[in-house]
């Protein structure tokens, strides 16, 4: 199923990052399920199982640092061991993301970019960002949302997406070249 320059694919989540792609033969011949029925089921289940998260770039970086075990080391180096992890993460998120008006849209699924298709998402994003925005396809796991600002050139954003896709992503992680 196509949507702009994206293709919607259906998967069965087996847990622990394992998935099975639902090809037409499986859906049509074995399960006797139409693409429209699969879409409806996926729309309902994906939102329920993998609610979207809208975070600042600083929050995402602080979460990554915590997962890598770097938060405690940084607290020790900065002499703020009495600060709770959540307080310190908020402090680090502000420091890292200060001035970067960019949000990250993802979910707990490896295919977190599917959150783009959730109903009412555009309204929720607009409420948090406060104005129009560009969607930059970061990977199949997440997308970046950049508030539209005067003088911003779409060609610059497209070039940035192209460079990241070319230099940083494997073919399996590539989502799109479009902005």
Foldseek 3Di string as FASTA:
>chain_A
DDDDPFDDWDWDDPDPQDIDTCDPCCQCVPVNHDPVRRVVVCLVVCCVVWPKDKAAPLLVVLVVCVVVVNQCVVCVVVVNNVDDSVRSSVVSSCVVRPPPLKIKIFTPHQQGCVNVPHPPPVVVVCVVSVADWDWQQQWSGIIMTHHDDPPDDLVVSLVVSVVCCVPPDDPNGDGDSHD
